[in-house]
Each structure stands twice: as structure tokens, then as C-alpha cells.
Amino acid sequence: MSTWIRQTVQQTVSLGKGAFVLLLVAAVLAGCGGSRSRASAGEGRSAATPTASPAVAELSLGTDGENMKFDKTEFTVRAGQEVQLTFHNSATTLQHNWVLVNGGDDVAEQVDQAAVAAGFDKGFIPDSDLILAHTRLLNGGEEETITFTAPSQPGDYTFLCTFPGHFQAGMKGVLHVQG
């Protein structure tokens, strides 16, 4: 036992059992902290923007209850990065999906119009080269995790819900891809 610890224990014992326990807890906590990053668990930062450059960007997205909106409208990833997106439909009655398109709102509008023609049988997901990634159509309370590679070109890419009327109601966001 080091001299400092021995002296501190002797001084603390003279202060009483409660002070000794408090010192012991503080020493244990000080020894255990340090090297673990809170950011890796998603604490202390926005879940929408990873602070480090991990091999896989883990993103979480939900819906804003019964509103036709996503609970987050922006994410940032690196060009070519693998992305794992967990989409949770927190609505109780509305169905939603998540669709990432190869462009901005103009491209999203084209995909949204084609989604109506695709219909329920295809979960309002049209067969289109303009779609980079998507979830299936989720019922209220359902969740799906998908993995895809972010576009290799830096830029802003729109994501939307293609259930009829939802994009027009504002159910969209942007995936910022940085070089």
C-alpha cells in the first residue's frame, strides 16, 4: 500500500466510518474512469452527428408521435461510410417508412410520386435507381434496422416517408455527407 493511501486511510479512520466509505468510493470511481468515451454510447452529444469517425455510423430515427414528422431532420456521415440506421415508428395508428434518395427535394418529389403508383403491395417503395436505401413500411410501434453505404459524393441527400401525403406534410430530412 502506498504511503499516501496509508496516511489517508489513517486520517479518514479517525474521522469515522462514513468518511472512510466516501473516500473509498471516490478512489474507486477515480480509478475506473478516464478511458471510456461517453460519445460511444451516444451520451453527451447529438445522436444525429457522430463525433468520432467510427467504421459504422449508428443512427437512430423515430417518428414524432402521431405527427407526420421524423423526430430528427438531419444526420451527418462521411462519404462512403457504412451506416446502420434504426427506424422506430412511434405512432400508434399511422404507417411510415424511411427512404433515402440520390438528391434533394426535387428527386424526393419524383420518388414520392412514383411511390403512389407502387402502392401498398410494395410498401410505397417504387423500383427506382433514385433510391439509395429504405426501410419497409412499418406499422405503429414497429422498428427496423438497416445497413447501407453512404454516398461516395459529399453533399446533401433528402430522406422522406413515401406513404401518400406524408412528404407533402413535411415528413422529410437531410443526410449530410461530408468528404
Protein backbone atom coordinates (compact mmCIF):
# COMPACT_ATOMS: atom_id res chain seq x y z
CA MET A 1 0.00 0.00 0.00
CA SER A 2 1.44 3.39 -0.94
CA THR A 3 2.37 5.88 1.75
CA TRP A 4 -0.28 8.37 0.58
CA ILE A 5 -3.07 5.77 0.75
CA ARG A 6 -1.89 4.54 4.19
CA GLN A 7 -1.83 8.10 5.57
CA THR A 8 -5.20 8.95 4.04
CA VAL A 9 -6.79 5.79 5.43
CA GLN A 10 -5.38 6.53 8.90
CA GLN A 11 -6.68 10.11 8.79
CA THR A 12 -10.07 9.01 7.47
CA VAL A 13 -10.49 6.28 10.09
CA SER A 14 -10.10 8.95 12.74
CA LEU A 15 -12.97 10.89 11.04
CA GLY A 16 -15.35 7.96 11.22
CA LYS A 17 -16.76 5.13 9.16
CA GLY A 18 -18.89 7.36 6.86
CA ALA A 19 -15.92 9.43 5.74
CA PHE A 20 -13.90 6.27 5.08
CA VAL A 21 -16.65 4.84 2.86
CA LEU A 22 -16.94 8.15 0.99
CA LEU A 23 -13.17 8.23 0.37
CA LEU A 24 -13.17 4.60 -0.76
CA VAL A 25 -15.99 5.22 -3.25
CA ALA A 26 -14.21 8.32 -4.60
CA ALA A 27 -10.95 6.38 -5.04
CA VAL A 28 -12.70 3.54 -6.85
CA LEU A 29 -14.55 5.94 -9.16
CA ALA A 30 -11.37 7.85 -9.93
CA GLY A 31 -9.57 4.62 -10.79
CA CYS A 32 -12.36 3.37 -13.04
CA GLY A 33 -12.96 6.50 -15.10
CA GLY A 34 -10.93 8.01 -17.83
CA SER A 35 -10.54 5.88 -20.91
CA ARG A 36 -14.18 5.16 -21.76
CA SER A 37 -15.82 7.65 -24.08
CA ARG A 38 -19.38 8.70 -23.36
CA ALA A 39 -19.80 9.51 -27.03
CA SER A 40 -19.58 5.83 -27.93
CA ALA A 41 -22.81 5.26 -26.04
CA GLY A 42 -24.45 8.30 -27.57
CA GLU A 43 -24.43 10.33 -24.36
CA GLY A 44 -23.47 13.95 -24.10
CA ARG A 45 -23.87 14.75 -27.81
CA SER A 46 -26.47 14.88 -30.52
CA ALA A 47 -27.39 11.42 -31.79
CA ALA A 48 -27.68 12.94 -35.23
CA THR A 49 -23.99 13.76 -35.67
CA PRO A 50 -21.32 11.21 -34.73
CA THR A 51 -18.39 12.99 -33.02
CA ALA A 52 -15.78 10.43 -33.97
CA SER A 53 -15.23 8.70 -37.28
CA PRO A 54 -16.24 5.14 -36.46
CA ALA A 55 -16.21 2.47 -39.12
CA VAL A 56 -20.00 2.30 -38.84
CA ALA A 57 -22.19 5.35 -38.18
CA GLU A 58 -25.01 4.18 -35.90
CA LEU A 59 -28.03 6.41 -36.37
CA SER A 60 -31.38 6.27 -34.62
CA LEU A 61 -34.52 7.85 -36.02
CA GLY A 62 -38.14 7.79 -34.99
CA THR A 63 -41.39 9.49 -35.72
CA ASP A 64 -42.86 12.39 -33.78
CA GLY A 65 -45.83 10.51 -32.33
CA GLU A 66 -48.93 10.88 -34.49
CA ASN A 67 -47.49 13.87 -36.33
CA MET A 68 -46.31 13.28 -39.85
CA LYS A 69 -42.72 14.19 -38.95
CA PHE A 70 -39.46 12.48 -38.14
CA ASP A 71 -38.07 13.15 -34.65
CA LYS A 72 -34.75 14.21 -36.25
CA THR A 73 -34.37 16.01 -39.55
CA GLU A 74 -30.58 15.95 -40.03
CA PHE A 75 -27.78 13.44 -39.84
CA THR A 76 -24.12 13.78 -40.80
CA VAL A 77 -21.91 10.92 -42.03
CA ARG A 78 -18.70 10.53 -44.03
CA ALA A 79 -18.70 9.77 -47.75
CA GLY A 80 -18.58 6.01 -48.32
CA GLN A 81 -19.12 5.24 -44.62
CA GLU A 82 -21.18 2.24 -43.61
CA VAL A 83 -24.37 3.42 -41.91
CA GLN A 84 -26.59 1.44 -39.58
CA LEU A 85 -29.96 3.16 -39.23
CA THR A 86 -32.58 2.08 -36.73
CA PHE A 87 -36.01 3.49 -37.58
CA HIS A 88 -38.78 3.29 -34.99
CA ASN A 89 -42.36 4.19 -35.86
CA SER A 90 -43.62 5.56 -32.55
CA ALA A 91 -47.07 6.34 -33.99
CA THR A 92 -49.91 4.12 -32.86
CA THR A 93 -52.07 4.29 -35.97
CA LEU A 94 -50.01 5.73 -38.83
CA GLN A 95 -47.75 3.69 -41.09
CA HIS A 96 -44.36 5.13 -42.05
CA ASN A 97 -41.20 4.23 -43.94
CA TRP A 98 -37.81 5.85 -44.39
CA VAL A 99 -36.42 6.37 -47.90
CA LEU A 100 -33.07 7.98 -48.78
CA VAL A 101 -32.88 9.42 -52.30
CA ASN A 102 -29.96 10.29 -54.54
CA GLY A 103 -30.51 14.04 -54.49
CA GLY A 104 -32.53 16.79 -52.88
CA ASP A 105 -36.23 17.64 -52.57
CA ASP A 106 -36.71 17.62 -56.36
CA VAL A 107 -35.62 13.97 -56.50
CA ALA A 108 -37.65 13.17 -53.38
CA GLU A 109 -40.73 14.59 -55.13
CA GLN A 110 -40.18 12.24 -58.10
CA VAL A 111 -39.78 9.23 -55.80
CA ASP A 112 -42.82 10.26 -53.76
CA GLN A 113 -44.99 10.45 -56.89
CA ALA A 114 -43.76 7.03 -58.06
CA ALA A 115 -44.49 5.62 -54.59
CA VAL A 116 -48.22 6.20 -55.04
CA ALA A 117 -48.15 4.05 -58.16
CA ALA A 118 -46.15 1.37 -56.32
CA GLY A 119 -48.96 1.14 -53.76
CA PHE A 120 -49.46 -0.86 -50.58
CA ASP A 121 -48.23 -4.11 -52.13
CA LYS A 122 -44.74 -2.62 -52.42
CA GLY A 123 -44.96 -0.61 -49.19
CA PHE A 124 -44.97 2.59 -51.28
CA ILE A 125 -41.38 1.86 -52.35
CA PRO A 126 -41.09 2.23 -56.13
CA ASP A 127 -38.49 0.40 -58.19
CA SER A 128 -36.13 3.31 -58.82
CA ASP A 129 -32.43 3.97 -59.20
CA LEU A 130 -33.08 7.25 -57.37
CA ILE A 131 -33.49 5.34 -54.08
CA LEU A 132 -30.24 4.71 -52.20
CA ALA A 133 -31.66 2.95 -49.13
CA HIS A 134 -35.02 2.36 -47.47
CA THR A 135 -36.90 0.56 -44.73
CA ARG A 136 -40.10 -1.35 -45.25
CA LEU A 137 -43.45 0.24 -44.41
CA LEU A 138 -43.78 0.00 -40.62
CA ASN A 139 -46.94 -0.22 -38.59
CA GLY A 140 -47.22 1.80 -35.40
CA GLY A 141 -44.77 0.59 -32.75
CA GLU A 142 -42.59 -1.34 -35.19
CA GLU A 143 -38.85 -0.86 -35.67
CA GLU A 144 -36.38 -1.87 -38.35
CA THR A 145 -32.61 -1.61 -38.59
CA ILE A 146 -30.97 -1.36 -42.00
CA THR A 147 -27.35 -1.07 -43.09
CA PHE A 148 -26.20 0.78 -46.18
CA THR A 149 -23.18 2.61 -47.53
CA ALA A 150 -23.36 6.41 -47.56
CA PRO A 151 -22.99 8.02 -50.97
CA SER A 152 -19.39 8.43 -52.12
CA GLN A 153 -20.03 12.01 -53.23
CA PRO A 154 -20.22 14.67 -50.48
CA GLY A 155 -23.49 16.60 -50.48
CA ASP A 156 -26.96 16.76 -49.02
CA TYR A 157 -29.34 13.86 -49.63
CA THR A 158 -33.05 14.03 -48.78
CA PHE A 159 -34.80 11.30 -46.81
CA LEU A 160 -38.57 11.06 -46.64
CA CYS A 161 -41.60 8.96 -45.84
CA THR A 162 -43.26 7.88 -49.09
CA PHE A 163 -46.64 6.97 -47.59
CA PRO A 164 -49.08 9.10 -49.62
CA GLY A 165 -49.36 12.65 -48.30
CA HIS A 166 -46.60 12.38 -45.69
CA PHE A 167 -43.80 14.01 -47.74
CA GLN A 168 -46.14 16.89 -48.66
CA ALA A 169 -46.95 17.27 -44.95
CA GLY A 170 -43.24 17.78 -44.25
CA MET A 171 -42.06 14.28 -43.32
CA LYS A 172 -38.52 14.64 -44.61
CA GLY A 173 -34.96 15.38 -43.58
CA VAL A 174 -31.39 15.63 -44.85
CA LEU A 175 -28.43 13.27 -44.70
CA HIS A 176 -25.33 15.46 -44.89
CA VAL A 177 -22.45 13.53 -46.45
CA GLN A 178 -19.02 15.02 -45.77
CA GLY A 179 -15.81 14.28 -47.69
